Amino acid sequence: MTTKRRRLTAKTKFEIYIKTRDESNVGEVLREYGIHLSDLREIEELVEAGAVDRLKTKGAKSKSLEEVSFEEYQELAKELDRKEKALADLTVEYLILKKNDK
């Protein structure tokens, strides 16, 4: 007789992890969810590895300010000004063409 083990969702696995941290009777939690101690250890490893990975990437996602020279700043400002003027010209042309199509 083979029994099919149910698949636990990520949320359920996290609930199991939290319950085993809060409650002193781990065996009760294991019986409640129908899992073995080895399953619990795997869940613990996954949760802890996920937390560590998330903490590592959090710092990488935050943008740090980069120092640039005054000359480079002036070049970037000129380039931005040129692009803004080009966008304004294209917007005017688009509106004229749109008006003529009506």
N, C-alpha and C. Protein backbone atom coordinates (compact mmCIF):
# COMPACT_ATOMS: atom_id res chain seq x y z
N MET A 1 0.84 -1.18 0.00
CA MET A 1 0.00 0.00 0.00
C MET A 1 0.89 1.25 0.00
N THR A 2 0.75 2.05 -1.03
CA THR A 2 1.54 3.27 -1.11
C THR A 2 0.64 4.46 -0.85
N THR A 3 1.14 5.36 -0.07
CA THR A 3 0.38 6.58 0.20
C THR A 3 1.08 7.73 -0.49
N LYS A 4 0.32 8.52 -1.19
CA LYS A 4 0.88 9.66 -1.90
C LYS A 4 1.03 10.82 -0.92
N ARG A 5 2.22 11.36 -0.85
CA ARG A 5 2.46 12.50 0.05
C ARG A 5 1.97 13.76 -0.62
N ARG A 6 1.29 14.58 0.14
CA ARG A 6 0.77 15.81 -0.45
C ARG A 6 1.90 16.82 -0.61
N ARG A 7 1.74 17.65 -1.60
CA ARG A 7 2.73 18.68 -1.89
C ARG A 7 2.40 19.92 -1.07
N LEU A 8 3.38 20.43 -0.37
CA LEU A 8 3.18 21.60 0.49
C LEU A 8 3.51 22.87 -0.29
N THR A 9 2.70 23.88 -0.11
CA THR A 9 2.98 25.17 -0.75
C THR A 9 4.10 25.88 0.02
N ALA A 10 4.65 26.87 -0.61
CA ALA A 10 5.72 27.64 0.03
C ALA A 10 5.21 28.31 1.31
N LYS A 11 3.97 28.79 1.26
CA LYS A 11 3.39 29.45 2.43
C LYS A 11 3.23 28.46 3.58
N THR A 12 2.78 27.24 3.25
CA THR A 12 2.62 26.21 4.28
C THR A 12 3.96 25.83 4.87
N LYS A 13 4.97 25.71 4.03
CA LYS A 13 6.31 25.37 4.52
C LYS A 13 6.82 26.45 5.47
N PHE A 14 6.55 27.70 5.13
CA PHE A 14 6.99 28.78 6.00
C PHE A 14 6.23 28.76 7.32
N GLU A 15 4.94 28.44 7.27
CA GLU A 15 4.15 28.31 8.51
C GLU A 15 4.72 27.22 9.40
N ILE A 16 5.09 26.09 8.78
CA ILE A 16 5.71 24.99 9.54
C ILE A 16 7.00 25.47 10.19
N TYR A 17 7.80 26.18 9.43
CA TYR A 17 9.07 26.71 9.95
C TYR A 17 8.83 27.61 11.16
N ILE A 18 7.87 28.51 11.04
CA ILE A 18 7.56 29.44 12.13
C ILE A 18 7.03 28.68 13.35
N LYS A 19 6.12 27.73 13.12
CA LYS A 19 5.55 26.97 14.24
C LYS A 19 6.62 26.19 14.99
N THR A 20 7.56 25.61 14.27
CA THR A 20 8.60 24.84 14.96
C THR A 20 9.56 25.74 15.71
N ARG A 21 9.62 27.01 15.35
CA ARG A 21 10.46 27.95 16.08
C ARG A 21 9.74 28.43 17.34
N ASP A 22 8.42 28.60 17.25
CA ASP A 22 7.63 29.12 18.37
C ASP A 22 7.28 28.05 19.39
N GLU A 23 6.88 26.89 18.92
CA GLU A 23 6.39 25.84 19.82
C GLU A 23 7.51 24.91 20.24
N SER A 24 7.37 24.36 21.45
CA SER A 24 8.40 23.46 21.95
C SER A 24 8.22 22.03 21.43
N ASN A 25 6.99 21.64 21.07
CA ASN A 25 6.72 20.27 20.65
C ASN A 25 6.76 20.16 19.12
N VAL A 26 7.92 19.87 18.59
CA VAL A 26 8.12 19.75 17.15
C VAL A 26 7.37 18.55 16.60
N GLY A 27 7.33 17.46 17.37
CA GLY A 27 6.64 16.25 16.94
C GLY A 27 5.18 16.49 16.63
N GLU A 28 4.55 17.35 17.42
CA GLU A 28 3.14 17.67 17.21
C GLU A 28 2.94 18.36 15.87
N VAL A 29 3.82 19.29 15.55
CA VAL A 29 3.74 20.01 14.28
C VAL A 29 3.97 19.04 13.12
N LEU A 30 4.94 18.14 13.28
CA LEU A 30 5.22 17.16 12.23
C LEU A 30 4.00 16.28 11.98
N ARG A 31 3.35 15.82 13.03
CA ARG A 31 2.15 14.99 12.88
C ARG A 31 1.00 15.78 12.26
N GLU A 32 0.87 17.04 12.66
CA GLU A 32 -0.22 17.88 12.14
C GLU A 32 -0.14 18.01 10.62
N TYR A 33 1.08 18.16 10.11
CA TYR A 33 1.25 18.34 8.67
C TYR A 33 1.61 17.04 7.95
N GLY A 34 1.81 15.98 8.70
CA GLY A 34 2.12 14.68 8.09
C GLY A 34 3.47 14.64 7.42
N ILE A 35 4.46 15.26 8.04
CA ILE A 35 5.81 15.26 7.47
C ILE A 35 6.78 14.62 8.45
N HIS A 36 7.96 14.31 7.95
CA HIS A 36 9.00 13.69 8.76
C HIS A 36 10.02 14.74 9.20
N LEU A 37 10.85 14.36 10.14
CA LEU A 37 11.88 15.27 10.63
C LEU A 37 12.83 15.67 9.51
N SER A 38 13.14 14.74 8.61
CA SER A 38 14.02 15.06 7.48
C SER A 38 13.39 16.12 6.58
N ASP A 39 12.05 16.06 6.42
CA ASP A 39 11.35 17.09 5.64
C ASP A 39 11.48 18.45 6.32
N LEU A 40 11.36 18.45 7.65
CA LEU A 40 11.48 19.69 8.40
C LEU A 40 12.88 20.28 8.25
N ARG A 41 13.89 19.43 8.32
CA ARG A 41 15.27 19.92 8.17
C ARG A 41 15.48 20.52 6.78
N GLU A 42 14.87 19.92 5.76
CA GLU A 42 14.98 20.44 4.40
C GLU A 42 14.29 21.81 4.30
N ILE A 43 13.11 21.92 4.92
CA ILE A 43 12.39 23.19 4.94
C ILE A 43 13.22 24.26 5.64
N GLU A 44 13.83 23.90 6.77
CA GLU A 44 14.66 24.86 7.50
C GLU A 44 15.82 25.34 6.64
N GLU A 45 16.47 24.42 5.94
CA GLU A 45 17.59 24.80 5.07
C GLU A 45 17.13 25.74 3.96
N LEU A 46 15.98 25.43 3.36
CA LEU A 46 15.47 26.27 2.28
C LEU A 46 15.12 27.67 2.76
N VAL A 47 14.45 27.75 3.90
CA VAL A 47 14.05 29.06 4.44
C VAL A 47 15.28 29.88 4.80
N GLU A 48 16.23 29.27 5.46
CA GLU A 48 17.42 30.00 5.87
C GLU A 48 18.27 30.41 4.67
N ALA A 49 18.38 29.54 3.67
CA ALA A 49 19.14 29.88 2.47
C ALA A 49 18.44 31.01 1.71
N GLY A 50 17.11 30.95 1.65
CA GLY A 50 16.36 32.01 0.98
C GLY A 50 16.51 33.34 1.67
N ALA A 51 16.52 33.32 2.99
CA ALA A 51 16.69 34.55 3.75
C ALA A 51 18.07 35.15 3.51
N VAL A 52 19.08 34.31 3.51
CA VAL A 52 20.45 34.78 3.28
C VAL A 52 20.58 35.35 1.88
N ASP A 53 20.04 34.66 0.88
CA ASP A 53 20.10 35.16 -0.49
C ASP A 53 19.40 36.50 -0.63
N ARG A 54 18.25 36.62 0.00
CA ARG A 54 17.48 37.87 -0.08
C ARG A 54 18.24 39.02 0.58
N LEU A 55 18.88 38.73 1.69
CA LEU A 55 19.65 39.77 2.36
C LEU A 55 20.86 40.19 1.54
N LYS A 56 21.45 39.24 0.82
CA LYS A 56 22.60 39.57 -0.03
C LYS A 56 22.17 40.46 -1.19
N THR A 57 21.06 40.14 -1.84
CA THR A 57 20.64 40.90 -3.01
C THR A 57 20.04 42.24 -2.65
N LYS A 58 19.58 42.40 -1.43
CA LYS A 58 18.99 43.68 -1.03
C LYS A 58 20.02 44.80 -1.15
N GLY A 59 21.24 44.55 -0.72
CA GLY A 59 22.28 45.55 -0.82
C GLY A 59 22.67 45.83 -2.26
N ALA A 60 22.61 44.82 -3.11
CA ALA A 60 22.98 44.99 -4.51
C ALA A 60 21.94 45.80 -5.26
N LYS A 61 20.69 45.74 -4.81
CA LYS A 61 19.62 46.45 -5.50
C LYS A 61 19.65 47.94 -5.22
N SER A 62 20.12 48.32 -4.06
CA SER A 62 20.14 49.74 -3.74
C SER A 62 21.20 50.42 -4.60
N LYS A 63 20.80 51.52 -5.19
CA LYS A 63 21.71 52.22 -6.09
C LYS A 63 22.62 53.14 -5.28
N SER A 64 23.89 53.06 -5.58
CA SER A 64 24.82 53.94 -4.90
C SER A 64 25.15 55.10 -5.84
N LEU A 65 25.44 56.22 -5.26
CA LEU A 65 25.79 57.39 -6.06
C LEU A 65 27.23 57.26 -6.54
N GLU A 66 27.42 57.64 -7.78
CA GLU A 66 28.75 57.56 -8.38
C GLU A 66 29.27 58.97 -8.60
N GLU A 67 30.48 59.20 -8.19
CA GLU A 67 31.07 60.52 -8.40
C GLU A 67 31.53 60.66 -9.84
N VAL A 68 31.25 61.82 -10.42
CA VAL A 68 31.70 62.10 -11.79
C VAL A 68 32.43 63.45 -11.78
N SER A 69 33.30 63.60 -12.74
CA SER A 69 34.04 64.86 -12.82
C SER A 69 33.11 65.95 -13.33
N PHE A 70 33.52 67.19 -13.14
CA PHE A 70 32.71 68.32 -13.58
C PHE A 70 32.55 68.32 -15.09
N GLU A 71 33.62 67.95 -15.80
CA GLU A 71 33.57 67.91 -17.27
C GLU A 71 32.56 66.86 -17.74
N GLU A 72 32.59 65.70 -17.10
CA GLU A 72 31.66 64.63 -17.47
C GLU A 72 30.22 65.06 -17.16
N TYR A 73 30.05 65.76 -16.05
CA TYR A 73 28.73 66.26 -15.69
C TYR A 73 28.22 67.23 -16.76
N GLN A 74 29.10 68.14 -17.21
CA GLN A 74 28.70 69.10 -18.24
C GLN A 74 28.33 68.39 -19.54
N GLU A 75 29.10 67.36 -19.92
CA GLU A 75 28.79 66.61 -21.13
C GLU A 75 27.44 65.92 -21.01
N LEU A 76 27.18 65.34 -19.86
CA LEU A 76 25.90 64.66 -19.65
C LEU A 76 24.74 65.66 -19.66
N ALA A 77 24.97 66.84 -19.10
CA ALA A 77 23.93 67.87 -19.09
C ALA A 77 23.63 68.33 -20.51
N LYS A 78 24.67 68.51 -21.32
CA LYS A 78 24.48 68.91 -22.73
C LYS A 78 23.72 67.83 -23.50
N GLU A 79 24.11 66.57 -23.28
CA GLU A 79 23.45 65.46 -23.97
C GLU A 79 21.97 65.39 -23.57
N LEU A 80 21.69 65.60 -22.30
CA LEU A 80 20.31 65.59 -21.83
C LEU A 80 19.53 66.73 -22.48
N ASP A 81 20.14 67.90 -22.57
CA ASP A 81 19.49 69.06 -23.19
C ASP A 81 19.17 68.79 -24.66
N ARG A 82 20.13 68.19 -25.38
CA ARG A 82 19.91 67.85 -26.80
C ARG A 82 18.76 66.86 -26.94
N LYS A 83 18.72 65.88 -26.08
CA LYS A 83 17.67 64.86 -26.16
C LYS A 83 16.30 65.46 -25.82
N GLU A 84 16.27 66.36 -24.85
CA GLU A 84 15.00 67.01 -24.50
C GLU A 84 14.49 67.86 -25.66
N LYS A 85 15.39 68.58 -26.34
CA LYS A 85 14.99 69.39 -27.49
C LYS A 85 14.51 68.50 -28.63
N ALA A 86 15.20 67.39 -28.87
CA ALA A 86 14.79 66.46 -29.93
C ALA A 86 13.41 65.88 -29.62
N LEU A 87 13.17 65.54 -28.38
CA LEU A 87 11.87 65.01 -27.98
C LEU A 87 10.78 66.06 -28.17
N ALA A 88 11.07 67.31 -27.82
CA ALA A 88 10.10 68.38 -28.01
C ALA A 88 9.79 68.57 -29.49
N ASP A 89 10.81 68.55 -30.35
CA ASP A 89 10.60 68.68 -31.80
C ASP A 89 9.76 67.54 -32.34
N LEU A 90 10.06 66.32 -31.92
CA LEU A 90 9.29 65.16 -32.38
C LEU A 90 7.84 65.23 -31.90
N THR A 91 7.64 65.75 -30.71
CA THR A 91 6.28 65.89 -30.18
C THR A 91 5.49 66.88 -31.02
N VAL A 92 6.11 68.00 -31.37
CA VAL A 92 5.45 69.00 -32.21
C VAL A 92 5.11 68.39 -33.57
N GLU A 93 6.07 67.69 -34.19
CA GLU A 93 5.83 67.06 -35.49
C GLU A 93 4.70 66.04 -35.40
N TYR A 94 4.68 65.27 -34.35
CA TYR A 94 3.64 64.27 -34.17
C TYR A 94 2.26 64.93 -34.07
N LEU A 95 2.18 65.99 -33.28
CA LEU A 95 0.90 66.68 -33.12
C LEU A 95 0.43 67.30 -34.43
N ILE A 96 1.35 67.84 -35.21
CA ILE A 96 0.99 68.42 -36.52
C ILE A 96 0.47 67.32 -37.44
N LEU A 97 1.18 66.20 -37.50
CA LEU A 97 0.74 65.08 -38.35
C LEU A 97 -0.60 64.53 -37.89
N LYS A 98 -0.78 64.44 -36.60
CA LYS A 98 -2.04 63.93 -36.06
C LYS A 98 -3.19 64.87 -36.40
N LYS A 99 -2.92 66.18 -36.33
CA LYS A 99 -3.93 67.18 -36.64
C LYS A 99 -4.30 67.13 -38.12
N ASN A 100 -3.31 66.91 -39.00
CA ASN A 100 -3.55 66.86 -40.44
C ASN A 100 -4.31 65.61 -40.85
N ASP A 101 -4.19 64.54 -40.10
CA ASP A 101 -4.89 63.29 -40.43
C ASP A 101 -6.38 63.40 -40.17
N LYS A 102 -6.81 64.29 -39.33
CA LYS A 102 -8.24 64.40 -38.98
C LYS A 102 -8.98 65.07 -40.05
